[in-house]
Amino acid sequence: MRFEDFAREHGLILSGLQLDRWVATPTEDHPRSSNGRYKFLGNVGFVQNWATMDRPATWFSEGHTINSPQIKKSIDASKARQIESAEQASKKAGWVLHQTELKSHPYLVSKGFPEEQGNVWIKDNKEILVIPMRIDWRIVGVQLIDDEGNKKFLHGQTTKGASFCMNAKGIPMFCEGYATALSIRECMKASNIKYAIYVCFSASNMKHIARTVRGGFIVADNDPNCIGEKTAKETGKPYWLSETVGDDFNDYHQQVGTFRASQNLKKVLLESKVCIS
């Protein structure tokens, strides 16, 4: 099987091949986002769909296995370059954040938060919303969102285990997207419930992060492929899920308003026996 076919089997949408670097790609389930990634080394390759996979799947060219000396040499050299790329991405993320200013952004307006201010970076005369991504409070990367809602990460950055946390003084609440987190925050405030909201950026990363934090609650996306609900169940934590396929909590919040959304979320929290005092 060719590497391109292997990648497509895992839901990645490829446009050519680049050698020896992690390349972000759209996926069949998220065609407008860079929710997939691959690295191709010629005789071995790796693919990952963040929505469906906890770790990369490995492809080998014909006649090679993980134990082949040539494969081991290729992987070791690539890992060394990956560490260097991650460090460079961390430095660039810090630089980008220093170029931002707090202001409104079209993406925030489209998600129902016209008064919300975010870190906005002007690049090529375009306004990019910048979401910091941290591991143990250290900046490792950023998520970049344009005014049409297209999202991407910096080349080479570490994403597994990275999150953006709001408040960190109450119930751990885990979700995938920044807009979903803003809706959770507004509804928790309306119910006067303390919260610590973790923006995890993907379903697989949400499962990873949720497993490192004791207790808490998942606010899942109702994906057409059921990945959001499947992931929520795999964490072992109670969860909220929209009744409408394709919707997340931000969609629900915009449809019914803060009062109904906050009451519904509080109801599910109480039914799940989550301590909200």
C-alpha atoms as a PDB file:
ATOM      1  CA  MET A   1       0.000   0.000   0.000  1.00  0.00           C
ATOM      2  CA  ARG A   2       1.275   3.464  -0.855  1.00  0.00           C
ATOM      3  CA  PHE A   3       1.670   5.995   1.939  1.00  0.00           C
ATOM      4  CA  GLU A   4      -0.932   8.263   0.320  1.00  0.00           C
ATOM      5  CA  ASP A   5      -3.518   5.470   0.426  1.00  0.00           C
ATOM      6  CA  PHE A   6      -2.603   4.668   4.044  1.00  0.00           C
ATOM      7  CA  ALA A   7      -3.186   8.310   4.985  1.00  0.00           C
ATOM      8  CA  ARG A   8      -6.546   8.412   3.215  1.00  0.00           C
ATOM      9  CA  GLU A   9      -7.634   5.241   5.028  1.00  0.00           C
ATOM     10  CA  HIS A  10      -7.214   7.231   8.258  1.00  0.00           C
ATOM     11  CA  GLY A  11      -9.281  10.154   6.981  1.00  0.00           C
ATOM     12  CA  LEU A  12      -6.506  12.567   5.940  1.00  0.00           C
ATOM     13  CA  ILE A  13      -6.910  14.722   2.834  1.00  0.00           C
ATOM     14  CA  LEU A  14      -3.481  15.038   1.223  1.00  0.00           C
ATOM     15  CA  SER A  15      -2.268  17.531  -1.351  1.00  0.00           C
ATOM     16  CA  GLY A  16       1.117  16.238  -2.406  1.00  0.00           C
ATOM     17  CA  LEU A  17       3.799  14.978  -0.029  1.00  0.00           C
ATOM     18  CA  GLN A  18       6.473  16.824   1.948  1.00  0.00           C
ATOM     19  CA  LEU A  19       9.446  14.944   3.319  1.00  0.00           C
ATOM     20  CA  ASP A  20      10.586  14.671   6.950  1.00  0.00           C
ATOM     21  CA  ARG A  21       8.309  17.158   8.658  1.00  0.00           C
ATOM     22  CA  TRP A  22       4.960  17.024  10.392  1.00  0.00           C
ATOM     23  CA  VAL A  23       2.487  18.459   7.905  1.00  0.00           C
ATOM     24  CA  ALA A  24      -0.979  19.594   8.998  1.00  0.00           C
ATOM     25  CA  THR A  25      -3.811  18.538   6.696  1.00  0.00           C
ATOM     26  CA  PRO A  26      -7.597  18.703   6.498  1.00  0.00           C
ATOM     27  CA  THR A  27      -9.509  15.536   7.293  1.00  0.00           C
ATOM     28  CA  GLU A  28     -12.695  14.080   5.879  1.00  0.00           C
ATOM     29  CA  ASP A  29     -14.543  14.850   9.126  1.00  0.00           C
ATOM     30  CA  HIS A  30     -13.020  18.362   9.494  1.00  0.00           C
ATOM     31  CA  PRO A  31     -12.291  19.550   5.922  1.00  0.00           C
ATOM     32  CA  ARG A  32     -11.975  23.227   6.949  1.00  0.00           C
ATOM     33  CA  SER A  33      -9.509  22.618   9.778  1.00  0.00           C
ATOM     34  CA  SER A  34      -6.006  21.189   9.972  1.00  0.00           C
ATOM     35  CA  ASN A  35      -7.182  18.295  12.114  1.00  0.00           C
ATOM     36  CA  GLY A  36      -4.833  15.749  10.601  1.00  0.00           C
ATOM     37  CA  ARG A  37      -1.082  15.488  10.311  1.00  0.00           C
ATOM     38  CA  TYR A  38       1.492  13.263   8.679  1.00  0.00           C
ATOM     39  CA  LYS A  39       5.238  12.763   8.531  1.00  0.00           C
ATOM     40  CA  PHE A  40       6.759  10.929   5.562  1.00  0.00           C
ATOM     41  CA  LEU A  41      10.359   9.667   5.744  1.00  0.00           C
ATOM     42  CA  GLY A  42      10.428   7.695   2.501  1.00  0.00           C
ATOM     43  CA  ASN A  43      10.566   4.172   3.924  1.00  0.00           C
ATOM     44  CA  VAL A  44       8.403   4.867   6.960  1.00  0.00           C
ATOM     45  CA  GLY A  45       5.592   7.319   7.618  1.00  0.00           C
ATOM     46  CA  PHE A  46       3.167   8.403  10.324  1.00  0.00           C
ATOM     47  CA  VAL A  47      -0.395   9.702  10.151  1.00  0.00           C
ATOM     48  CA  GLN A  48      -2.774  10.995  12.804  1.00  0.00           C
ATOM     49  CA  ASN A  49      -6.335  12.258  12.751  1.00  0.00           C
ATOM     50  CA  TRP A  50      -6.649  14.255  15.981  1.00  0.00           C
ATOM     51  CA  ALA A  51     -10.400  13.638  16.146  1.00  0.00           C
ATOM     52  CA  THR A  52     -10.153   9.870  16.064  1.00  0.00           C
ATOM     53  CA  MET A  53      -6.643   8.814  17.080  1.00  0.00           C
ATOM     54  CA  ASP A  54      -4.736   8.984  20.376  1.00  0.00           C
ATOM     55  CA  ARG A  55      -1.393   8.390  18.668  1.00  0.00           C
ATOM     56  CA  PRO A  56      -0.008   8.245  15.123  1.00  0.00           C
ATOM     57  CA  ALA A  57      -0.398   5.139  12.994  1.00  0.00           C
ATOM     58  CA  THR A  58       2.780   3.883  11.333  1.00  0.00           C
ATOM     59  CA  TRP A  59       3.249   2.914   7.688  1.00  0.00           C
ATOM     60  CA  PHE A  60       6.228   0.954   6.350  1.00  0.00           C
ATOM     61  CA  SER A  61       7.315   0.634   2.761  1.00  0.00           C
ATOM     62  CA  GLU A  62       7.312  -2.847   1.276  1.00  0.00           C
ATOM     63  CA  GLY A  63       9.961  -5.088   2.793  1.00  0.00           C
ATOM     64  CA  HIS A  64      10.518  -2.986   5.920  1.00  0.00           C
ATOM     65  CA  THR A  65       9.402  -3.397   9.543  1.00  0.00           C
ATOM     66  CA  ILE A  66       9.916  -1.534  12.804  1.00  0.00           C
ATOM     67  CA  ASN A  67      12.998  -3.729  13.413  1.00  0.00           C
ATOM     68  CA  SER A  68      14.741  -2.842  10.145  1.00  0.00           C
ATOM     69  CA  PRO A  69      18.043  -1.018  10.870  1.00  0.00           C
ATOM     70  CA  GLN A  70      17.302   1.531   8.165  1.00  0.00           C
ATOM     71  CA  ILE A  71      13.894   2.277   9.698  1.00  0.00           C
ATOM     72  CA  LYS A  72      15.381   2.690  13.185  1.00  0.00           C
ATOM     73  CA  LYS A  73      18.021   5.077  11.853  1.00  0.00           C
ATOM     74  CA  SER A  74      15.396   7.163  10.029  1.00  0.00           C
ATOM     75  CA  ILE A  75      13.145   7.377  13.092  1.00  0.00           C
ATOM     76  CA  ASP A  76      15.952   8.314  15.500  1.00  0.00           C
ATOM     77  CA  ALA A  77      17.168  11.098  13.216  1.00  0.00           C
ATOM     78  CA  SER A  78      13.626  12.373  12.743  1.00  0.00           C
ATOM     79  CA  LYS A  79      12.977  12.412  16.512  1.00  0.00           C
ATOM     80  CA  ALA A  80      16.033  14.587  17.065  1.00  0.00           C
ATOM     81  CA  ARG A  81      14.824  17.036  14.439  1.00  0.00           C
ATOM     82  CA  GLN A  82      11.333  16.973  15.959  1.00  0.00           C
ATOM     83  CA  ILE A  83      12.663  18.038  19.378  1.00  0.00           C
ATOM     84  CA  GLU A  84      14.474  20.936  17.744  1.00  0.00           C
ATOM     85  CA  SER A  85      11.348  21.936  15.773  1.00  0.00           C
ATOM     86  CA  ALA A  86       9.209  21.875  18.922  1.00  0.00           C
ATOM     87  CA  GLU A  87      11.621  24.210  20.682  1.00  0.00           C
ATOM     88  CA  GLN A  88      11.624  26.589  17.718  1.00  0.00           C
ATOM     89  CA  ALA A  89       7.816  26.520  17.635  1.00  0.00           C
ATOM     90  CA  SER A  90       7.666  27.313  21.343  1.00  0.00           C
ATOM     91  CA  LYS A  91       9.876  30.363  20.805  1.00  0.00           C
ATOM     92  CA  LYS A  92       7.817  31.476  17.800  1.00  0.00           C
ATOM     93  CA  ALA A  93       4.599  31.092  19.792  1.00  0.00           C
ATOM     94  CA  GLY A  94       5.977  33.430  22.436  1.00  0.00           C
ATOM     95  CA  TRP A  95       7.015  35.891  19.744  1.00  0.00           C
ATOM     96  CA  VAL A  96       3.576  35.788  18.089  1.00  0.00           C
ATOM     97  CA  LEU A  97       1.820  36.410  21.402  1.00  0.00           C
ATOM     98  CA  HIS A  98       4.011  39.461  21.997  1.00  0.00           C
ATOM     99  CA  GLN A  99       2.813  40.866  18.647  1.00  0.00           C
ATOM    100  CA  THR A 100      -0.883  40.602  19.561  1.00  0.00           C
ATOM    101  CA  GLU A 101      -3.287  43.129  21.004  1.00  0.00           C
ATOM    102  CA  LEU A 102      -6.517  42.553  22.886  1.00  0.00           C
ATOM    103  CA  LYS A 103      -9.464  43.320  20.646  1.00  0.00           C
ATOM    104  CA  SER A 104     -12.615  41.854  19.135  1.00  0.00           C
ATOM    105  CA  HIS A 105     -12.360  39.417  16.244  1.00  0.00           C
ATOM    106  CA  PRO A 106     -14.838  38.303  13.526  1.00  0.00           C
ATOM    107  CA  TYR A 107     -14.623  34.698  14.715  1.00  0.00           C
ATOM    108  CA  LEU A 108     -15.681  35.700  18.233  1.00  0.00           C
ATOM    109  CA  VAL A 109     -18.546  37.761  16.809  1.00  0.00           C
ATOM    110  CA  SER A 110     -19.703  34.805  14.685  1.00  0.00           C
ATOM    111  CA  LYS A 111     -19.736  32.618  17.796  1.00  0.00           C
ATOM    112  CA  GLY A 112     -22.007  34.978  19.719  1.00  0.00           C
ATOM    113  CA  PHE A 113     -19.402  37.032  21.604  1.00  0.00           C
ATOM    114  CA  PRO A 114     -19.256  40.493  19.983  1.00  0.00           C
ATOM    115  CA  GLU A 115     -17.919  42.075  23.175  1.00  0.00           C
ATOM    116  CA  GLU A 116     -15.261  39.432  23.825  1.00  0.00           C
ATOM    117  CA  GLN A 117     -11.652  40.460  23.329  1.00  0.00           C
ATOM    118  CA  GLY A 118      -8.926  38.043  22.320  1.00  0.00           C
ATOM    119  CA  ASN A 119      -5.266  38.043  21.351  1.00  0.00           C
ATOM    120  CA  VAL A 120      -5.309  39.313  17.763  1.00  0.00           C
ATOM    121  CA  TRP A 121      -2.229  39.193  15.527  1.00  0.00           C
ATOM    122  CA  ILE A 122      -2.069  41.179  12.299  1.00  0.00           C
ATOM    123  CA  LYS A 123      -0.375  39.034   9.662  1.00  0.00           C
ATOM    124  CA  ASP A 124      -0.326  39.947   5.971  1.00  0.00           C
ATOM    125  CA  ASN A 125      -3.021  42.549   6.690  1.00  0.00           C
ATOM    126  CA  LYS A 126      -5.286  39.844   8.138  1.00  0.00           C
ATOM    127  CA  GLU A 127      -6.495  39.605  11.722  1.00  0.00           C
ATOM    128  CA  ILE A 128      -5.639  36.244  13.289  1.00  0.00           C
ATOM    129  CA  LEU A 129      -7.055  35.189  16.658  1.00  0.00           C
ATOM    130  CA  VAL A 130      -4.272  33.571  18.708  1.00  0.00           C
ATOM    131  CA  ILE A 131      -5.051  31.006  21.426  1.00  0.00           C
ATOM    132  CA  PRO A 132      -2.051  30.164  23.661  1.00  0.00           C
ATOM    133  CA  MET A 133      -1.313  26.468  24.214  1.00  0.00           C
ATOM    134  CA  ARG A 134       0.539  25.462  27.363  1.00  0.00           C
ATOM    135  CA  ILE A 135       1.920  22.370  29.056  1.00  0.00           C
ATOM    136  CA  ASP A 136       2.550  22.901  32.767  1.00  0.00           C
ATOM    137  CA  TRP A 137       2.065  26.654  32.162  1.00  0.00           C
ATOM    138  CA  ARG A 138       4.868  26.732  29.575  1.00  0.00           C
ATOM    139  CA  ILE A 139       3.958  28.049  26.114  1.00  0.00           C
ATOM    140  CA  VAL A 140       4.498  25.268  23.582  1.00  0.00           C
ATOM    141  CA  GLY A 141       2.435  26.608  20.693  1.00  0.00           C
ATOM    142  CA  VAL A 142      -0.655  28.479  19.580  1.00  0.00           C
ATOM    143  CA  GLN A 143      -3.849  27.859  17.685  1.00  0.00           C
ATOM    144  CA  LEU A 144      -4.394  30.409  14.914  1.00  0.00           C
ATOM    145  CA  ILE A 145      -7.981  31.169  13.834  1.00  0.00           C
ATOM    146  CA  ASP A 146      -8.799  33.407  10.871  1.00  0.00           C
ATOM    147  CA  ASP A 147     -11.970  35.427  10.378  1.00  0.00           C
ATOM    148  CA  GLU A 148     -13.632  32.518   8.537  1.00  0.00           C
ATOM    149  CA  GLY A 149     -12.975  30.097  11.379  1.00  0.00           C
ATOM    150  CA  ASN A 150     -10.134  28.181   9.703  1.00  0.00           C
ATOM    151  CA  LYS A 151      -7.734  26.858  12.335  1.00  0.00           C
ATOM    152  CA  LYS A 152      -4.117  25.768  12.313  1.00  0.00           C
ATOM    153  CA  PHE A 153      -1.108  25.276  14.588  1.00  0.00           C
ATOM    154  CA  LEU A 154       2.504  26.340  14.180  1.00  0.00           C
ATOM    155  CA  HIS A 155       4.766  23.996  12.264  1.00  0.00           C
ATOM    156  CA  GLY A 156       6.546  21.589  14.602  1.00  0.00           C
ATOM    157  CA  GLN A 157       4.768  22.581  17.789  1.00  0.00           C
ATOM    158  CA  THR A 158       3.829  20.126  20.524  1.00  0.00           C
ATOM    159  CA  THR A 159       0.070  19.645  20.690  1.00  0.00           C
ATOM    160  CA  LYS A 160      -0.422  16.479  22.756  1.00  0.00           C
ATOM    161  CA  GLY A 161      -0.981  17.484  26.363  1.00  0.00           C
ATOM    162  CA  ALA A 162      -1.288  21.186  25.499  1.00  0.00           C
ATOM    163  CA  SER A 163      -4.315  23.190  26.601  1.00  0.00           C
ATOM    164  CA  PHE A 164      -5.609  26.664  27.329  1.00  0.00           C
ATOM    165  CA  CYS A 165      -7.140  26.978  30.790  1.00  0.00           C
ATOM    166  CA  MET A 166      -9.715  29.534  31.946  1.00  0.00           C
ATOM    167  CA  ASN A 167      -9.815  30.449  35.648  1.00  0.00           C
ATOM    168  CA  ALA A 168      -8.640  27.122  37.199  1.00  0.00           C
ATOM    169  CA  LYS A 169     -10.534  27.715  40.461  1.00  0.00           C
ATOM    170  CA  GLY A 170     -13.463  25.314  40.291  1.00  0.00           C
ATOM    171  CA  ILE A 171     -14.937  22.246  38.572  1.00  0.00           C
ATOM    172  CA  PRO A 172     -12.615  20.952  35.835  1.00  0.00           C
ATOM    173  CA  MET A 173     -14.570  21.289  32.560  1.00  0.00           C
ATOM    174  CA  PHE A 174     -13.033  19.793  29.416  1.00  0.00           C
ATOM    175  CA  CYS A 175     -13.944  20.717  25.852  1.00  0.00           C
ATOM    176  CA  GLU A 176     -12.362  20.794  22.408  1.00  0.00           C
ATOM    177  CA  GLY A 177     -12.839  24.317  21.093  1.00  0.00           C
ATOM    178  CA  TYR A 178     -12.286  27.876  22.278  1.00  0.00           C
ATOM    179  CA  ALA A 179     -15.802  29.051  21.348  1.00  0.00           C
ATOM    180  CA  THR A 180     -17.291  26.141  23.285  1.00  0.00           C
ATOM    181  CA  ALA A 181     -15.202  27.191  26.289  1.00  0.00           C
ATOM    182  CA  LEU A 182     -16.514  30.758  26.078  1.00  0.00           C
ATOM    183  CA  SER A 183     -20.090  29.451  26.140  1.00  0.00           C
ATOM    184  CA  ILE A 184     -19.319  27.186  29.107  1.00  0.00           C
ATOM    185  CA  ARG A 185     -17.752  30.121  30.942  1.00  0.00           C
ATOM    186  CA  GLU A 186     -20.775  32.358  30.376  1.00  0.00           C
ATOM    187  CA  CYS A 187     -23.199  29.672  31.514  1.00  0.00           C
ATOM    188  CA  MET A 188     -21.168  28.739  34.595  1.00  0.00           C
ATOM    189  CA  LYS A 189     -21.016  32.406  35.551  1.00  0.00           C
ATOM    190  CA  ALA A 190     -24.788  32.699  35.075  1.00  0.00           C
ATOM    191  CA  SER A 191     -25.261  29.766  37.461  1.00  0.00           C
ATOM    192  CA  ASN A 192     -22.665  31.149  39.885  1.00  0.00           C
ATOM    193  CA  ILE A 193     -20.609  27.942  39.677  1.00  0.00           C
ATOM    194  CA  LYS A 194     -16.823  28.082  39.927  1.00  0.00           C
ATOM    195  CA  TYR A 195     -14.979  26.472  37.041  1.00  0.00           C
ATOM    196  CA  ALA A 196     -11.652  25.536  35.482  1.00  0.00           C
ATOM    197  CA  ILE A 197     -12.202  25.187  31.748  1.00  0.00           C
ATOM    198  CA  TYR A 198      -9.624  23.293  29.696  1.00  0.00           C
ATOM    199  CA  VAL A 199      -9.631  23.981  25.955  1.00  0.00           C
ATOM    200  CA  CYS A 200      -8.051  20.815  24.542  1.00  0.00           C
ATOM    201  CA  PHE A 201      -8.209  21.543  20.767  1.00  0.00           C
ATOM    202  CA  SER A 202      -9.137  17.984  19.703  1.00  0.00           C
ATOM    203  CA  ALA A 203     -11.069  14.983  20.955  1.00  0.00           C
ATOM    204  CA  SER A 204      -8.011  12.770  21.351  1.00  0.00           C
ATOM    205  CA  ASN A 205      -6.127  15.459  23.261  1.00  0.00           C
ATOM    206  CA  MET A 206      -9.172  16.060  25.446  1.00  0.00           C
ATOM    207  CA  LYS A 207      -9.112  12.402  26.470  1.00  0.00           C
ATOM    208  CA  HIS A 208      -5.405  12.635  27.246  1.00  0.00           C
ATOM    209  CA  ILE A 209      -5.736  15.797  29.347  1.00  0.00           C
ATOM    210  CA  ALA A 210      -8.911  14.690  31.144  1.00  0.00           C
ATOM    211  CA  ARG A 211      -7.125  11.567  32.329  1.00  0.00           C
ATOM    212  CA  THR A 212      -4.442  13.687  34.014  1.00  0.00           C
ATOM    213  CA  VAL A 213      -6.943  15.701  36.092  1.00  0.00           C
ATOM    214  CA  ARG A 214      -8.957  14.242  38.943  1.00  0.00           C
ATOM    215  CA  GLY A 215     -12.736  14.523  38.618  1.00  0.00           C
ATOM    216  CA  GLY A 216     -14.365  16.963  36.272  1.00  0.00           C
ATOM    217  CA  PHE A 217     -16.895  17.001  33.481  1.00  0.00           C
ATOM    218  CA  ILE A 218     -16.742  16.684  29.690  1.00  0.00           C
ATOM    219  CA  VAL A 219     -18.646  19.008  27.352  1.00  0.00           C
ATOM    220  CA  ALA A 220     -18.565  16.956  24.162  1.00  0.00           C
ATOM    221  CA  ASP A 221     -19.216  17.794  20.531  1.00  0.00           C
ATOM    222  CA  ASN A 222     -21.963  15.735  18.898  1.00  0.00           C
ATOM    223  CA  ASP A 223     -19.903  14.811  15.843  1.00  0.00           C
ATOM    224  CA  PRO A 224     -21.576  13.002  12.933  1.00  0.00           C
ATOM    225  CA  ASN A 225     -18.965  10.237  13.380  1.00  0.00           C
ATOM    226  CA  CYS A 226     -19.760  10.010  17.124  1.00  0.00           C
ATOM    227  CA  ILE A 227     -16.124  10.672  18.076  1.00  0.00           C
ATOM    228  CA  GLY A 228     -17.063  13.357  20.618  1.00  0.00           C
ATOM    229  CA  GLU A 229     -19.404  11.082  22.562  1.00  0.00           C
ATOM    230  CA  LYS A 230     -17.082   8.074  22.212  1.00  0.00           C
ATOM    231  CA  THR A 231     -14.194  10.118  23.613  1.00  0.00           C
ATOM    232  CA  ALA A 232     -16.306  11.439  26.495  1.00  0.00           C
ATOM    233  CA  LYS A 233     -17.281   7.895  27.459  1.00  0.00           C
ATOM    234  CA  GLU A 234     -13.687   6.706  27.283  1.00  0.00           C
ATOM    235  CA  THR A 235     -12.595   9.313  29.843  1.00  0.00           C
ATOM    236  CA  GLY A 236     -14.941   7.740  32.393  1.00  0.00           C
ATOM    237  CA  LYS A 237     -16.206  11.184  33.371  1.00  0.00           C
ATOM    238  CA  PRO A 238     -19.805  12.454  33.166  1.00  0.00           C
ATOM    239  CA  TYR A 239     -20.566  14.515  30.083  1.00  0.00           C
ATOM    240  CA  TRP A 240     -22.959  16.882  28.310  1.00  0.00           C
ATOM    241  CA  LEU A 241     -23.892  16.225  24.681  1.00  0.00           C
ATOM    242  CA  SER A 242     -26.196  18.155  22.367  1.00  0.00           C
ATOM    243  CA  GLU A 243     -29.263  16.299  21.134  1.00  0.00           C
ATOM    244  CA  THR A 244     -28.527  17.613  17.628  1.00  0.00           C
ATOM    245  CA  VAL A 245     -25.933  15.810  15.516  1.00  0.00           C
ATOM    246  CA  GLY A 246     -23.265  18.225  14.340  1.00  0.00           C
ATOM    247  CA  ASP A 247     -23.732  20.683  17.207  1.00  0.00           C
ATOM    248  CA  ASP A 248     -21.455  21.593  20.088  1.00  0.00           C
ATOM    249  CA  PHE A 249     -22.262  23.545  23.250  1.00  0.00           C
ATOM    250  CA  ASN A 250     -21.594  26.861  21.549  1.00  0.00           C
ATOM    251  CA  ASP A 251     -24.152  26.022  18.851  1.00  0.00           C
ATOM    252  CA  TYR A 252     -26.667  25.102  21.550  1.00  0.00           C
ATOM    253  CA  HIS A 253     -25.888  28.264  23.536  1.00  0.00           C
ATOM    254  CA  GLN A 254     -26.448  30.470  20.496  1.00  0.00           C
ATOM    255  CA  GLN A 255     -29.724  28.713  19.683  1.00  0.00           C
ATOM    256  CA  VAL A 256     -31.391  28.844  23.123  1.00  0.00           C
ATOM    257  CA  GLY A 257     -29.611  31.698  24.941  1.00  0.00           C
ATOM    258  CA  THR A 258     -27.650  31.875  28.172  1.00  0.00           C
ATOM    259  CA  PHE A 259     -30.537  31.257  30.593  1.00  0.00           C
ATOM    260  CA  ARG A 260     -31.724  27.995  29.038  1.00  0.00           C
ATOM    261  CA  ALA A 261     -28.215  26.785  28.243  1.00  0.00           C
ATOM    262  CA  SER A 262     -26.984  27.466  31.778  1.00  0.00           C
ATOM    263  CA  GLN A 263     -30.001  25.758  33.312  1.00  0.00           C
ATOM    264  CA  ASN A 264     -29.527  22.719  31.089  1.00  0.00           C
ATOM    265  CA  LEU A 265     -25.818  22.455  31.869  1.00  0.00           C
ATOM    266  CA  LYS A 266     -26.474  22.835  35.595  1.00  0.00           C
ATOM    267  CA  LYS A 267     -29.148  20.135  35.428  1.00  0.00           C
ATOM    268  CA  VAL A 268     -26.746  17.660  33.802  1.00  0.00           C
ATOM    269  CA  LEU A 269     -24.038  18.519  36.343  1.00  0.00           C
ATOM    270  CA  LEU A 270     -26.442  17.861  39.238  1.00  0.00           C
ATOM    271  CA  GLU A 271     -27.756  14.653  37.694  1.00  0.00           C
ATOM    272  CA  SER A 272     -24.152  13.519  37.301  1.00  0.00           C
ATOM    273  CA  LYS A 273     -23.575  14.206  40.997  1.00  0.00           C
ATOM    274  CA  VAL A 274     -20.838  16.729  40.261  1.00  0.00           C
ATOM    275  CA  CYS A 275     -20.279  18.915  43.330  1.00  0.00           C
ATOM    276  CA  ILE A 276     -21.099  22.496  42.266  1.00  0.00           C
ATOM    277  CA  SER A 277     -20.948  24.224  45.646  1.00  0.00           C
END
